[in-house]
Amino acid sequence: MYITPVDTTGASQATANQDRLNIIGEKPPKNWLRMGRMENYKSMITNVGREKQMDPAVFAAIISRQSRAGATLEDGWGDHGYAFGLMQVDRRYHSPVATEILISFIKEIKAKFPMWSQEQ
């Protein structure tokens, strides 16, 4: 299962500014796991994707957006000490098992909208 048919718009100005990048609107490269900080987590993301039977790009996208591959974390914590880990699970609402939370939400959506494609 892969999400490659999904068209993306690329980085927004606000997102690019967070890392002082000039990539507004550019689409992510096909070798996204080889880029910068994300490279540190490539094998972990790939293994979890395989274990959970989910495209690792989904996890990488969340990690990229939520913590910019760890760049925004202090001792693993972000969001003023409320969110933990690369996927920034908010301890006020969840125990820090991000992949399980994500998968349970995906299953709920699949049950609610059984006719939707995997990409949707």
PDB file of N, CA and C in Angstrom:
ATOM      1  N   MET A   1       0.845  -1.165   0.000  1.00  0.00           N
ATOM      2  CA  MET A   1       0.000   0.000   0.000  1.00  0.00           C
ATOM      3  C   MET A   1       0.891   1.228   0.000  1.00  0.00           C
ATOM      4  N   TYR A   2       0.645   2.128  -0.952  1.00  0.00           N
ATOM      5  CA  TYR A   2       1.436   3.340  -1.047  1.00  0.00           C
ATOM      6  C   TYR A   2       0.544   4.518  -1.337  1.00  0.00           C
ATOM      7  N   ILE A   3       0.927   5.673  -0.860  1.00  0.00           N
ATOM      8  CA  ILE A   3       0.114   6.862  -1.053  1.00  0.00           C
ATOM      9  C   ILE A   3       0.612   7.714  -2.214  1.00  0.00           C
ATOM     10  N   THR A   4       1.463   7.170  -3.048  1.00  0.00           N
ATOM     11  CA  THR A   4       2.062   7.953  -4.127  1.00  0.00           C
ATOM     12  C   THR A   4       1.071   8.603  -5.088  1.00  0.00           C
ATOM     13  N   PRO A   5      -0.141   8.069  -5.320  1.00  0.00           N
ATOM     14  CA  PRO A   5      -1.051   8.760  -6.235  1.00  0.00           C
ATOM     15  C   PRO A   5      -1.563  10.099  -5.698  1.00  0.00           C
ATOM     16  N   VAL A   6      -1.334  10.390  -4.439  1.00  0.00           N
ATOM     17  CA  VAL A   6      -1.838  11.622  -3.851  1.00  0.00           C
ATOM     18  C   VAL A   6      -0.967  12.792  -4.286  1.00  0.00           C
ATOM     19  N   ASP A   7      -1.584  13.808  -4.878  1.00  0.00           N
ATOM     20  CA  ASP A   7      -0.860  14.988  -5.311  1.00  0.00           C
ATOM     21  C   ASP A   7      -0.727  15.938  -4.119  1.00  0.00           C
ATOM     22  N   THR A   8       0.465  16.464  -3.913  1.00  0.00           N
ATOM     23  CA  THR A   8       0.692  17.392  -2.807  1.00  0.00           C
ATOM     24  C   THR A   8       1.046  18.761  -3.349  1.00  0.00           C
ATOM     25  N   THR A   9       0.821  19.770  -2.554  1.00  0.00           N
ATOM     26  CA  THR A   9       1.098  21.140  -2.977  1.00  0.00           C
ATOM     27  C   THR A   9       2.483  21.597  -2.565  1.00  0.00           C
ATOM     28  N   GLY A  10       3.163  20.848  -1.720  1.00  0.00           N
ATOM     29  CA  GLY A  10       4.493  21.250  -1.284  1.00  0.00           C
ATOM     30  C   GLY A  10       4.438  22.100  -0.031  1.00  0.00           C
ATOM     31  N   ALA A  11       5.581  22.639   0.329  1.00  0.00           N
ATOM     32  CA  ALA A  11       5.702  23.400   1.574  1.00  0.00           C
ATOM     33  C   ALA A  11       5.081  24.784   1.445  1.00  0.00           C
ATOM     34  N   SER A  12       4.440  25.217   2.519  1.00  0.00           N
ATOM     35  CA  SER A  12       3.907  26.577   2.563  1.00  0.00           C
ATOM     36  C   SER A  12       5.017  27.526   2.993  1.00  0.00           C
ATOM     37  N   GLN A  13       4.785  28.799   2.829  1.00  0.00           N
ATOM     38  CA  GLN A  13       5.756  29.809   3.269  1.00  0.00           C
ATOM     39  C   GLN A  13       6.013  29.670   4.766  1.00  0.00           C
ATOM     40  N   ALA A  14       4.952  29.485   5.561  1.00  0.00           N
ATOM     41  CA  ALA A  14       5.113  29.373   7.020  1.00  0.00           C
ATOM     42  C   ALA A  14       5.955  28.162   7.395  1.00  0.00           C
ATOM     43  N   THR A  15       5.720  27.040   6.734  1.00  0.00           N
ATOM     44  CA  THR A  15       6.487  25.832   7.028  1.00  0.00           C
ATOM     45  C   THR A  15       7.947  26.017   6.640  1.00  0.00           C
ATOM     46  N   ALA A  16       8.196  26.545   5.467  1.00  0.00           N
ATOM     47  CA  ALA A  16       9.571  26.765   5.019  1.00  0.00           C
ATOM     48  C   ALA A  16      10.312  27.739   5.934  1.00  0.00           C
ATOM     49  N   ASN A  17       9.616  28.764   6.396  1.00  0.00           N
ATOM     50  CA  ASN A  17      10.246  29.754   7.273  1.00  0.00           C
ATOM     51  C   ASN A  17      10.738  29.144   8.583  1.00  0.00           C
ATOM     52  N   GLN A  18      10.081  28.102   9.067  1.00  0.00           N
ATOM     53  CA  GLN A  18      10.471  27.499  10.337  1.00  0.00           C
ATOM     54  C   GLN A  18      11.902  26.987  10.304  1.00  0.00           C
ATOM     55  N   ASP A  19      12.357  26.549   9.151  1.00  0.00           N
ATOM     56  CA  ASP A  19      13.727  26.055   9.012  1.00  0.00           C
ATOM     57  C   ASP A  19      14.576  26.962   8.137  1.00  0.00           C
ATOM     58  N   ARG A  20      14.093  28.180   7.913  1.00  0.00           N
ATOM     59  CA  ARG A  20      14.798  29.138   7.070  1.00  0.00           C
ATOM     60  C   ARG A  20      15.112  28.550   5.682  1.00  0.00           C
ATOM     61  N   LEU A  21      14.110  27.922   5.091  1.00  0.00           N
ATOM     62  CA  LEU A  21      14.265  27.297   3.786  1.00  0.00           C
ATOM     63  C   LEU A  21      13.529  28.099   2.722  1.00  0.00           C
ATOM     64  N   ASN A  22      13.973  27.966   1.504  1.00  0.00           N
ATOM     65  CA  ASN A  22      13.312  28.620   0.386  1.00  0.00           C
ATOM     66  C   ASN A  22      12.767  27.544  -0.547  1.00  0.00           C
ATOM     67  N   ILE A  23      11.793  26.778  -0.071  1.00  0.00           N
ATOM     68  CA  ILE A  23      11.237  25.676  -0.862  1.00  0.00           C
ATOM     69  C   ILE A  23       9.729  25.796  -1.006  1.00  0.00           C
ATOM     70  N   ILE A  24       9.223  27.002  -0.957  1.00  0.00           N
ATOM     71  CA  ILE A  24       7.794  27.220  -0.999  1.00  0.00           C
ATOM     72  C   ILE A  24       7.201  26.606  -2.264  1.00  0.00           C
ATOM     73  N   GLY A  25       6.202  25.748  -2.063  1.00  0.00           N
ATOM     74  CA  GLY A  25       5.486  25.142  -3.173  1.00  0.00           C
ATOM     75  C   GLY A  25       6.192  23.982  -3.832  1.00  0.00           C
ATOM     76  N   GLU A  26       7.441  23.716  -3.489  1.00  0.00           N
ATOM     77  CA  GLU A  26       8.133  22.589  -4.107  1.00  0.00           C
ATOM     78  C   GLU A  26       7.608  21.287  -3.545  1.00  0.00           C
ATOM     79  N   LYS A  27       7.486  20.317  -4.407  1.00  0.00           N
ATOM     80  CA  LYS A  27       7.042  19.000  -3.977  1.00  0.00           C
ATOM     81  C   LYS A  27       8.189  18.276  -3.298  1.00  0.00           C
ATOM     82  N   PRO A  28       7.883  17.408  -2.341  1.00  0.00           N
ATOM     83  CA  PRO A  28       8.959  16.665  -1.692  1.00  0.00           C
ATOM     84  C   PRO A  28       9.636  15.729  -2.687  1.00  0.00           C
ATOM     85  N   PRO A  29      10.949  15.586  -2.586  1.00  0.00           N
ATOM     86  CA  PRO A  29      11.652  14.701  -3.509  1.00  0.00           C
ATOM     87  C   PRO A  29      11.322  13.246  -3.240  1.00  0.00           C
ATOM     88  N   LYS A  30      11.533  12.392  -4.239  1.00  0.00           N
ATOM     89  CA  LYS A  30      11.235  10.972  -4.085  1.00  0.00           C
ATOM     90  C   LYS A  30      12.115  10.312  -3.043  1.00  0.00           C
ATOM     91  N   ASN A  31      13.282  10.853  -2.796  1.00  0.00           N
ATOM     92  CA  ASN A  31      14.182  10.272  -1.790  1.00  0.00           C
ATOM     93  C   ASN A  31      14.041  10.996  -0.450  1.00  0.00           C
ATOM     94  N   TRP A  32      12.807  11.297  -0.054  1.00  0.00           N
ATOM     95  CA  TRP A  32      12.528  12.072   1.154  1.00  0.00           C
ATOM     96  C   TRP A  32      13.177  11.512   2.403  1.00  0.00           C
ATOM     97  N   LEU A  33      13.369  10.200   2.490  1.00  0.00           N
ATOM     98  CA  LEU A  33      13.967   9.631   3.700  1.00  0.00           C
ATOM     99  C   LEU A  33      15.473   9.863   3.773  1.00  0.00           C
ATOM    100  N   ARG A  34      16.071  10.334   2.710  1.00  0.00           N
ATOM    101  CA  ARG A  34      17.515  10.563   2.711  1.00  0.00           C
ATOM    102  C   ARG A  34      17.850  12.013   3.027  1.00  0.00           C
ATOM    103  N   MET A  35      16.871  12.792   3.332  1.00  0.00           N
ATOM    104  CA  MET A  35      17.102  14.216   3.502  1.00  0.00           C
ATOM    105  C   MET A  35      17.310  14.602   4.961  1.00  0.00           C
ATOM    106  N   GLY A  36      18.386  15.290   5.218  1.00  0.00           N
ATOM    107  CA  GLY A  36      18.635  15.922   6.500  1.00  0.00           C
ATOM    108  C   GLY A  36      18.382  15.056   7.714  1.00  0.00           C
ATOM    109  N   ARG A  37      17.708  15.634   8.680  1.00  0.00           N
ATOM    110  CA  ARG A  37      17.442  14.970   9.959  1.00  0.00           C
ATOM    111  C   ARG A  37      16.623  13.700   9.805  1.00  0.00           C
ATOM    112  N   MET A  38      15.775  13.638   8.795  1.00  0.00           N
ATOM    113  CA  MET A  38      14.922  12.464   8.606  1.00  0.00           C
ATOM    114  C   MET A  38      15.761  11.206   8.379  1.00  0.00           C
ATOM    115  N   GLU A  39      16.946  11.381   7.825  1.00  0.00           N
ATOM    116  CA  GLU A  39      17.848  10.244   7.597  1.00  0.00           C
ATOM    117  C   GLU A  39      18.112   9.487   8.900  1.00  0.00           C
ATOM    118  N   ASN A  40      18.171  10.206  10.025  1.00  0.00           N
ATOM    119  CA  ASN A  40      18.408   9.569  11.331  1.00  0.00           C
ATOM    120  C   ASN A  40      17.325   8.568  11.704  1.00  0.00           C
ATOM    121  N   TYR A  41      16.155   8.719  11.132  1.00  0.00           N
ATOM    122  CA  TYR A  41      15.005   7.892  11.514  1.00  0.00           C
ATOM    123  C   TYR A  41      14.545   6.967  10.393  1.00  0.00           C
ATOM    124  N   LYS A  42      15.274   6.940   9.300  1.00  0.00           N
ATOM    125  CA  LYS A  42      14.861   6.172   8.122  1.00  0.00           C
ATOM    126  C   LYS A  42      14.566   4.713   8.450  1.00  0.00           C
ATOM    127  N   SER A  43      15.497   4.028   9.105  1.00  0.00           N
ATOM    128  CA  SER A  43      15.274   2.596   9.366  1.00  0.00           C
ATOM    129  C   SER A  43      14.128   2.386  10.335  1.00  0.00           C
ATOM    130  N   MET A  44      13.998   3.240  11.339  1.00  0.00           N
ATOM    131  CA  MET A  44      12.901   3.115  12.300  1.00  0.00           C
ATOM    132  C   MET A  44      11.550   3.303  11.585  1.00  0.00           C
ATOM    133  N   ILE A  45      11.448   4.340  10.761  1.00  0.00           N
ATOM    134  CA  ILE A  45      10.202   4.625  10.052  1.00  0.00           C
ATOM    135  C   ILE A  45       9.860   3.475   9.108  1.00  0.00           C
ATOM    136  N   THR A  46      10.854   2.989   8.395  1.00  0.00           N
ATOM    137  CA  THR A  46      10.637   1.884   7.459  1.00  0.00           C
ATOM    138  C   THR A  46      10.197   0.629   8.195  1.00  0.00           C
ATOM    139  N   ASN A  47      10.847   0.310   9.308  1.00  0.00           N
ATOM    140  CA  ASN A  47      10.488  -0.883  10.082  1.00  0.00           C
ATOM    141  C   ASN A  47       9.082  -0.783  10.667  1.00  0.00           C
ATOM    142  N   VAL A  48       8.734   0.372  11.208  1.00  0.00           N
ATOM    143  CA  VAL A  48       7.387   0.538  11.772  1.00  0.00           C
ATOM    144  C   VAL A  48       6.349   0.448  10.664  1.00  0.00           C
ATOM    145  N   GLY A  49       6.629   1.047   9.510  1.00  0.00           N
ATOM    146  CA  GLY A  49       5.709   0.947   8.382  1.00  0.00           C
ATOM    147  C   GLY A  49       5.471  -0.496   7.979  1.00  0.00           C
ATOM    148  N   ARG A  50       6.542  -1.261   7.923  1.00  0.00           N
ATOM    149  CA  ARG A  50       6.435  -2.681   7.566  1.00  0.00           C
ATOM    150  C   ARG A  50       5.633  -3.424   8.643  1.00  0.00           C
ATOM    151  N   GLU A  51       5.982  -3.187   9.901  1.00  0.00           N
ATOM    152  CA  GLU A  51       5.317  -3.877  11.015  1.00  0.00           C
ATOM    153  C   GLU A  51       3.823  -3.555  11.078  1.00  0.00           C
ATOM    154  N   LYS A  52       3.488  -2.294  10.834  1.00  0.00           N
ATOM    155  CA  LYS A  52       2.094  -1.859  10.941  1.00  0.00           C
ATOM    156  C   LYS A  52       1.348  -1.948   9.611  1.00  0.00           C
ATOM    157  N   GLN A  53       2.046  -2.420   8.563  1.00  0.00           N
ATOM    158  CA  GLN A  53       1.470  -2.543   7.227  1.00  0.00           C
ATOM    159  C   GLN A  53       0.898  -1.214   6.742  1.00  0.00           C
ATOM    160  N   MET A  54       1.725  -0.188   6.860  1.00  0.00           N
ATOM    161  CA  MET A  54       1.340   1.148   6.445  1.00  0.00           C
ATOM    162  C   MET A  54       2.521   1.796   5.730  1.00  0.00           C
ATOM    163  N   ASP A  55       2.219   2.581   4.718  1.00  0.00           N
ATOM    164  CA  ASP A  55       3.263   3.261   3.973  1.00  0.00           C
ATOM    165  C   ASP A  55       4.082   4.133   4.929  1.00  0.00           C
ATOM    166  N   PRO A  56       5.400   3.932   4.995  1.00  0.00           N
ATOM    167  CA  PRO A  56       6.239   4.730   5.885  1.00  0.00           C
ATOM    168  C   PRO A  56       6.175   6.222   5.581  1.00  0.00           C
ATOM    169  N   ALA A  57       5.769   6.579   4.369  1.00  0.00           N
ATOM    170  CA  ALA A  57       5.646   7.996   4.021  1.00  0.00           C
ATOM    171  C   ALA A  57       4.629   8.703   4.899  1.00  0.00           C
ATOM    172  N   VAL A  58       3.605   7.975   5.363  1.00  0.00           N
ATOM    173  CA  VAL A  58       2.597   8.570   6.242  1.00  0.00           C
ATOM    174  C   VAL A  58       3.255   8.979   7.560  1.00  0.00           C
ATOM    175  N   PHE A  59       4.039   8.067   8.131  1.00  0.00           N
ATOM    176  CA  PHE A  59       4.724   8.377   9.390  1.00  0.00           C
ATOM    177  C   PHE A  59       5.732   9.503   9.191  1.00  0.00           C
ATOM    178  N   ALA A  60       6.488   9.427   8.099  1.00  0.00           N
ATOM    179  CA  ALA A  60       7.497  10.455   7.830  1.00  0.00           C
ATOM    180  C   ALA A  60       6.854  11.828   7.648  1.00  0.00           C
ATOM    181  N   ALA A  61       5.716  11.878   7.000  1.00  0.00           N
ATOM    182  CA  ALA A  61       5.035  13.152   6.797  1.00  0.00           C
ATOM    183  C   ALA A  61       4.606  13.758   8.126  1.00  0.00           C
ATOM    184  N   ILE A  62       4.079  12.929   9.010  1.00  0.00           N
ATOM    185  CA  ILE A  62       3.651  13.421  10.326  1.00  0.00           C
ATOM    186  C   ILE A  62       4.859  13.877  11.130  1.00  0.00           C
ATOM    187  N   ILE A  63       5.924  13.083  11.111  1.00  0.00           N
ATOM    188  CA  ILE A  63       7.154  13.439  11.835  1.00  0.00           C
ATOM    189  C   ILE A  63       7.719  14.745  11.299  1.00  0.00           C
ATOM    190  N   SER A  64       7.718  14.891   9.991  1.00  0.00           N
ATOM    191  CA  SER A  64       8.235  16.105   9.372  1.00  0.00           C
ATOM    192  C   SER A  64       7.439  17.323   9.809  1.00  0.00           C
ATOM    193  N   ARG A  65       6.133  17.195   9.783  1.00  0.00           N
ATOM    194  CA  ARG A  65       5.270  18.338  10.102  1.00  0.00           C
ATOM    195  C   ARG A  65       5.228  18.628  11.595  1.00  0.00           C
ATOM    196  N   GLN A  66       5.126  17.605  12.410  1.00  0.00           N
ATOM    197  CA  GLN A  66       4.928  17.808  13.846  1.00  0.00           C
ATOM    198  C   GLN A  66       6.187  18.244  14.589  1.00  0.00           C
ATOM    199  N   SER A  67       7.330  17.681  14.236  1.00  0.00           N
ATOM    200  CA  SER A  67       8.552  18.043  14.977  1.00  0.00           C
ATOM    201  C   SER A  67       9.710  18.402  14.059  1.00  0.00           C
ATOM    202  N   ARG A  68       9.429  18.483  12.761  1.00  0.00           N
ATOM    203  CA  ARG A  68      10.480  18.707  11.775  1.00  0.00           C
ATOM    204  C   ARG A  68      11.649  17.768  12.034  1.00  0.00           C
ATOM    205  N   ALA A  69      11.301  16.481  12.158  1.00  0.00           N
ATOM    206  CA  ALA A  69      12.272  15.403  12.388  1.00  0.00           C
ATOM    207  C   ALA A  69      13.111  15.658  13.635  1.00  0.00           C
ATOM    208  N   GLY A  70      12.462  16.167  14.670  1.00  0.00           N
ATOM    209  CA  GLY A  70      13.120  16.352  15.955  1.00  0.00           C
ATOM    210  C   GLY A  70      13.719  17.720  16.179  1.00  0.00           C
ATOM    211  N   ALA A  71      13.717  18.585  15.176  1.00  0.00           N
ATOM    212  CA  ALA A  71      14.365  19.897  15.288  1.00  0.00           C
ATOM    213  C   ALA A  71      13.721  20.782  16.347  1.00  0.00           C
ATOM    214  N   THR A  72      12.449  20.590  16.617  1.00  0.00           N
ATOM    215  CA  THR A  72      11.745  21.469  17.550  1.00  0.00           C
ATOM    216  C   THR A  72      11.680  20.903  18.969  1.00  0.00           C
ATOM    217  N   LEU A  73      12.281  19.743  19.194  1.00  0.00           N
ATOM    218  CA  LEU A  73      12.138  19.058  20.480  1.00  0.00           C
ATOM    219  C   LEU A  73      13.239  19.432  21.471  1.00  0.00           C
ATOM    220  N   GLU A  74      12.867  19.437  22.734  1.00  0.00           N
ATOM    221  CA  GLU A  74      13.819  19.569  23.831  1.00  0.00           C
ATOM    222  C   GLU A  74      13.653  18.350  24.710  1.00  0.00           C
ATOM    223  N   ASP A  75      14.653  17.478  24.719  1.00  0.00           N
ATOM    224  CA  ASP A  75      14.600  16.207  25.448  1.00  0.00           C
ATOM    225  C   ASP A  75      13.381  15.377  25.060  1.00  0.00           C
ATOM    226  N   GLY A  76      13.003  15.442  23.787  1.00  0.00           N
ATOM    227  CA  GLY A  76      11.879  14.664  23.283  1.00  0.00           C
ATOM    228  C   GLY A  76      10.530  15.357  23.389  1.00  0.00           C
ATOM    229  N   TRP A  77      10.485  16.493  24.058  1.00  0.00           N
ATOM    230  CA  TRP A  77       9.219  17.195  24.288  1.00  0.00           C
ATOM    231  C   TRP A  77       9.106  18.445  23.436  1.00  0.00           C
ATOM    232  N   GLY A  78       7.885  18.760  23.019  1.00  0.00           N
ATOM    233  CA  GLY A  78       7.573  19.976  22.277  1.00  0.00           C
ATOM    234  C   GLY A  78       6.256  20.535  22.766  1.00  0.00           C
ATOM    235  N   ASP A  79       5.745  21.530  22.073  1.00  0.00           N
ATOM    236  CA  ASP A  79       4.452  22.148  22.415  1.00  0.00           C
ATOM    237  C   ASP A  79       4.396  22.530  23.890  1.00  0.00           C
ATOM    238  N   HIS A  80       5.407  23.240  24.344  1.00  0.00           N
ATOM    239  CA  HIS A  80       5.482  23.736  25.723  1.00  0.00           C
ATOM    240  C   HIS A  80       5.456  22.609  26.756  1.00  0.00           C
ATOM    241  N   GLY A  81       6.046  21.469  26.395  1.00  0.00           N
ATOM    242  CA  GLY A  81       6.128  20.336  27.310  1.00  0.00           C
ATOM    243  C   GLY A  81       4.911  19.437  27.339  1.00  0.00           C
ATOM    244  N   TYR A  82       3.976  19.641  26.436  1.00  0.00           N
ATOM    245  CA  TYR A  82       2.761  18.821  26.427  1.00  0.00           C
ATOM    246  C   TYR A  82       2.818  17.662  25.436  1.00  0.00           C
ATOM    247  N   ALA A  83       3.598  17.804  24.385  1.00  0.00           N
ATOM    248  CA  ALA A  83       3.613  16.784  23.335  1.00  0.00           C
ATOM    249  C   ALA A  83       4.961  16.080  23.315  1.00  0.00           C
ATOM    250  N   PHE A  84       4.924  14.751  23.150  1.00  0.00           N
ATOM    251  CA  PHE A  84       6.144  13.957  23.215  1.00  0.00           C
ATOM    252  C   PHE A  84       6.449  13.272  21.900  1.00  0.00           C
ATOM    253  N   GLY A  85       7.719  13.184  21.588  1.00  0.00           N
ATOM    254  CA  GLY A  85       8.204  12.377  20.473  1.00  0.00           C
ATOM    255  C   GLY A  85       8.136  13.049  19.126  1.00  0.00           C
ATOM    256  N   LEU A  86       8.649  12.340  18.154  1.00  0.00           N
ATOM    257  CA  LEU A  86       8.719  12.860  16.795  1.00  0.00           C
ATOM    258  C   LEU A  86       7.351  13.181  16.223  1.00  0.00           C
ATOM    259  N   MET A  87       6.341  12.392  16.614  1.00  0.00           N
ATOM    260  CA  MET A  87       4.996  12.614  16.097  1.00  0.00           C
ATOM    261  C   MET A  87       4.177  13.526  17.011  1.00  0.00           C
ATOM    262  N   GLN A  88       4.792  13.986  18.104  1.00  0.00           N
ATOM    263  CA  GLN A  88       4.186  14.948  19.019  1.00  0.00           C
ATOM    264  C   GLN A  88       2.811  14.524  19.549  1.00  0.00           C
ATOM    265  N   VAL A  89       2.793  13.440  20.289  1.00  0.00           N
ATOM    266  CA  VAL A  89       1.565  12.958  20.917  1.00  0.00           C
ATOM    267  C   VAL A  89       1.333  13.787  22.185  1.00  0.00           C
ATOM    268  N   ASP A  90       0.175  14.384  22.269  1.00  0.00           N
ATOM    269  CA  ASP A  90      -0.154  15.268  23.386  1.00  0.00           C
ATOM    270  C   ASP A  90      -0.527  14.443  24.610  1.00  0.00           C
ATOM    271  N   ARG A  91       0.265  14.560  25.660  1.00  0.00           N
ATOM    272  CA  ARG A  91       0.051  13.749  26.866  1.00  0.00           C
ATOM    273  C   ARG A  91      -1.224  14.102  27.607  1.00  0.00           C
ATOM    274  N   ARG A  92      -1.810  15.235  27.307  1.00  0.00           N
ATOM    275  CA  ARG A  92      -3.074  15.605  27.952  1.00  0.00           C
ATOM    276  C   ARG A  92      -4.229  14.751  27.439  1.00  0.00           C
ATOM    277  N   TYR A  93      -4.044  14.154  26.251  1.00  0.00           N
ATOM    278  CA  TYR A  93      -5.144  13.428  25.631  1.00  0.00           C
ATOM    279  C   TYR A  93      -4.837  11.965  25.313  1.00  0.00           C
ATOM    280  N   HIS A  94      -3.553  11.622  25.210  1.00  0.00           N
ATOM    281  CA  HIS A  94      -3.172  10.272  24.783  1.00  0.00           C
ATOM    282  C   HIS A  94      -1.942   9.800  25.536  1.00  0.00           C
ATOM    283  N   SER A  95      -1.789   8.472  25.603  1.00  0.00           N
ATOM    284  CA  SER A  95      -0.510   7.939  26.048  1.00  0.00           C
ATOM    285  C   SER A  95       0.397   7.950  24.822  1.00  0.00           C
ATOM    286  N   PRO A  96       1.698   8.111  25.012  1.00  0.00           N
ATOM    287  CA  PRO A  96       2.584   8.313  23.857  1.00  0.00           C
ATOM    288  C   PRO A  96       2.852   7.063  23.012  1.00  0.00           C
ATOM    289  N   VAL A  97       1.851   6.626  22.262  1.00  0.00           N
ATOM    290  CA  VAL A  97       2.007   5.532  21.304  1.00  0.00           C
ATOM    291  C   VAL A  97       1.405   6.012  19.980  1.00  0.00           C
ATOM    292  N   ALA A  98       2.131   6.888  19.313  1.00  0.00           N
ATOM    293  CA  ALA A  98       1.609   7.611  18.158  1.00  0.00           C
ATOM    294  C   ALA A  98       1.128   6.713  17.040  1.00  0.00           C
ATOM    295  N   THR A  99       1.883   5.677  16.712  1.00  0.00           N
ATOM    296  CA  THR A  99       1.461   4.852  15.586  1.00  0.00           C
ATOM    297  C   THR A  99       0.147   4.142  15.888  1.00  0.00           C
ATOM    298  N   GLU A 100      -0.040   3.711  17.114  1.00  0.00           N
ATOM    299  CA  GLU A 100      -1.298   3.042  17.483  1.00  0.00           C
ATOM    300  C   GLU A 100      -2.466   4.019  17.421  1.00  0.00           C
ATOM    301  N   ILE A 101      -2.254   5.256  17.843  1.00  0.00           N
ATOM    302  CA  ILE A 101      -3.308   6.275  17.775  1.00  0.00           C
ATOM    303  C   ILE A 101      -3.676   6.521  16.315  1.00  0.00           C
ATOM    304  N   LEU A 102      -2.677   6.711  15.486  1.00  0.00           N
ATOM    305  CA  LEU A 102      -2.901   6.965  14.063  1.00  0.00           C
ATOM    306  C   LEU A 102      -3.659   5.812  13.417  1.00  0.00           C
ATOM    307  N   ILE A 103      -3.214   4.603  13.654  1.00  0.00           N
ATOM    308  CA  ILE A 103      -3.846   3.435  13.039  1.00  0.00           C
ATOM    309  C   ILE A 103      -5.287   3.273  13.518  1.00  0.00           C
ATOM    310  N   SER A 104      -5.551   3.533  14.788  1.00  0.00           N
ATOM    311  CA  SER A 104      -6.931   3.415  15.276  1.00  0.00           C
ATOM    312  C   SER A 104      -7.831   4.451  14.615  1.00  0.00           C
ATOM    313  N   PHE A 105      -7.315   5.670  14.398  1.00  0.00           N
ATOM    314  CA  PHE A 105      -8.105   6.692  13.708  1.00  0.00           C
ATOM    315  C   PHE A 105      -8.346   6.307  12.250  1.00  0.00           C
ATOM    316  N   ILE A 106      -7.336   5.750  11.604  1.00  0.00           N
ATOM    317  CA  ILE A 106      -7.499   5.316  10.214  1.00  0.00           C
ATOM    318  C   ILE A 106      -8.559   4.218  10.128  1.00  0.00           C
ATOM    319  N   LYS A 107      -8.538   3.282  11.055  1.00  0.00           N
ATOM    320  CA  LYS A 107      -9.544   2.206  11.068  1.00  0.00           C
ATOM    321  C   LYS A 107     -10.946   2.774  11.271  1.00  0.00           C
ATOM    322  N   GLU A 108     -11.072   3.776  12.138  1.00  0.00           N
ATOM    323  CA  GLU A 108     -12.379   4.405  12.357  1.00  0.00           C
ATOM    324  C   GLU A 108     -12.891   5.051  11.072  1.00  0.00           C
ATOM    325  N   ILE A 109     -11.998   5.741  10.372  1.00  0.00           N
ATOM    326  CA  ILE A 109     -12.391   6.392   9.119  1.00  0.00           C
ATOM    327  C   ILE A 109     -12.764   5.349   8.069  1.00  0.00           C
ATOM    328  N   LYS A 110     -11.992   4.265   7.995  1.00  0.00           N
ATOM    329  CA  LYS A 110     -12.312   3.189   7.040  1.00  0.00           C
ATOM    330  C   LYS A 110     -13.691   2.608   7.322  1.00  0.00           C
ATOM    331  N   ALA A 111     -14.021   2.434   8.591  1.00  0.00           N
ATOM    332  CA  ALA A 111     -15.333   1.886   8.952  1.00  0.00           C
ATOM    333  C   ALA A 111     -16.450   2.871   8.612  1.00  0.00           C
ATOM    334  N   LYS A 112     -16.187   4.142   8.804  1.00  0.00           N
ATOM    335  CA  LYS A 112     -17.200   5.159   8.545  1.00  0.00           C
ATOM    336  C   LYS A 112     -17.393   5.405   7.046  1.00  0.00           C
ATOM    337  N   PHE A 113     -16.312   5.278   6.279  1.00  0.00           N
ATOM    338  CA  PHE A 113     -16.354   5.534   4.839  1.00  0.00           C
ATOM    339  C   PHE A 113     -15.758   4.342   4.080  1.00  0.00           C
ATOM    340  N   PRO A 114     -16.440   3.204   4.068  1.00  0.00           N
ATOM    341  CA  PRO A 114     -15.873   1.993   3.466  1.00  0.00           C
ATOM    342  C   PRO A 114     -15.620   2.096   1.962  1.00  0.00           C
ATOM    343  N   MET A 115     -16.256   3.019   1.275  1.00  0.00           N
ATOM    344  CA  MET A 115     -16.064   3.144  -0.152  1.00  0.00           C
ATOM    345  C   MET A 115     -14.857   4.007  -0.511  1.00  0.00           C
ATOM    346  N   TRP A 116     -14.245   4.658   0.450  1.00  0.00           N
ATOM    347  CA  TRP A 116     -13.091   5.510   0.158  1.00  0.00           C
ATOM    348  C   TRP A 116     -11.890   4.661  -0.239  1.00  0.00           C
ATOM    349  N   SER A 117     -11.064   5.205  -1.108  1.00  0.00           N
ATOM    350  CA  SER A 117      -9.826   4.531  -1.493  1.00  0.00           C
ATOM    351  C   SER A 117      -8.807   4.634  -0.349  1.00  0.00           C
ATOM    352  N   GLN A 118      -7.763   3.851  -0.447  1.00  0.00           N
ATOM    353  CA  GLN A 118      -6.700   3.901   0.567  1.00  0.00           C
ATOM    354  C   GLN A 118      -6.104   5.304   0.660  1.00  0.00           C
ATOM    355  N   GLU A 119      -5.927   5.957  -0.469  1.00  0.00           N
ATOM    356  CA  GLU A 119      -5.336   7.294  -0.474  1.00  0.00           C
ATOM    357  C   GLU A 119      -6.226   8.295   0.227  1.00  0.00           C
ATOM    358  N   GLN A 120      -7.541   8.178   0.018  1.00  0.00           N
ATOM    359  CA  GLN A 120      -8.446   9.103   0.686  1.00  0.00           C
ATOM    360  C   GLN A 120      -8.380   8.941   2.176  1.00  0.00           C
TER     361      GLN A 120
END
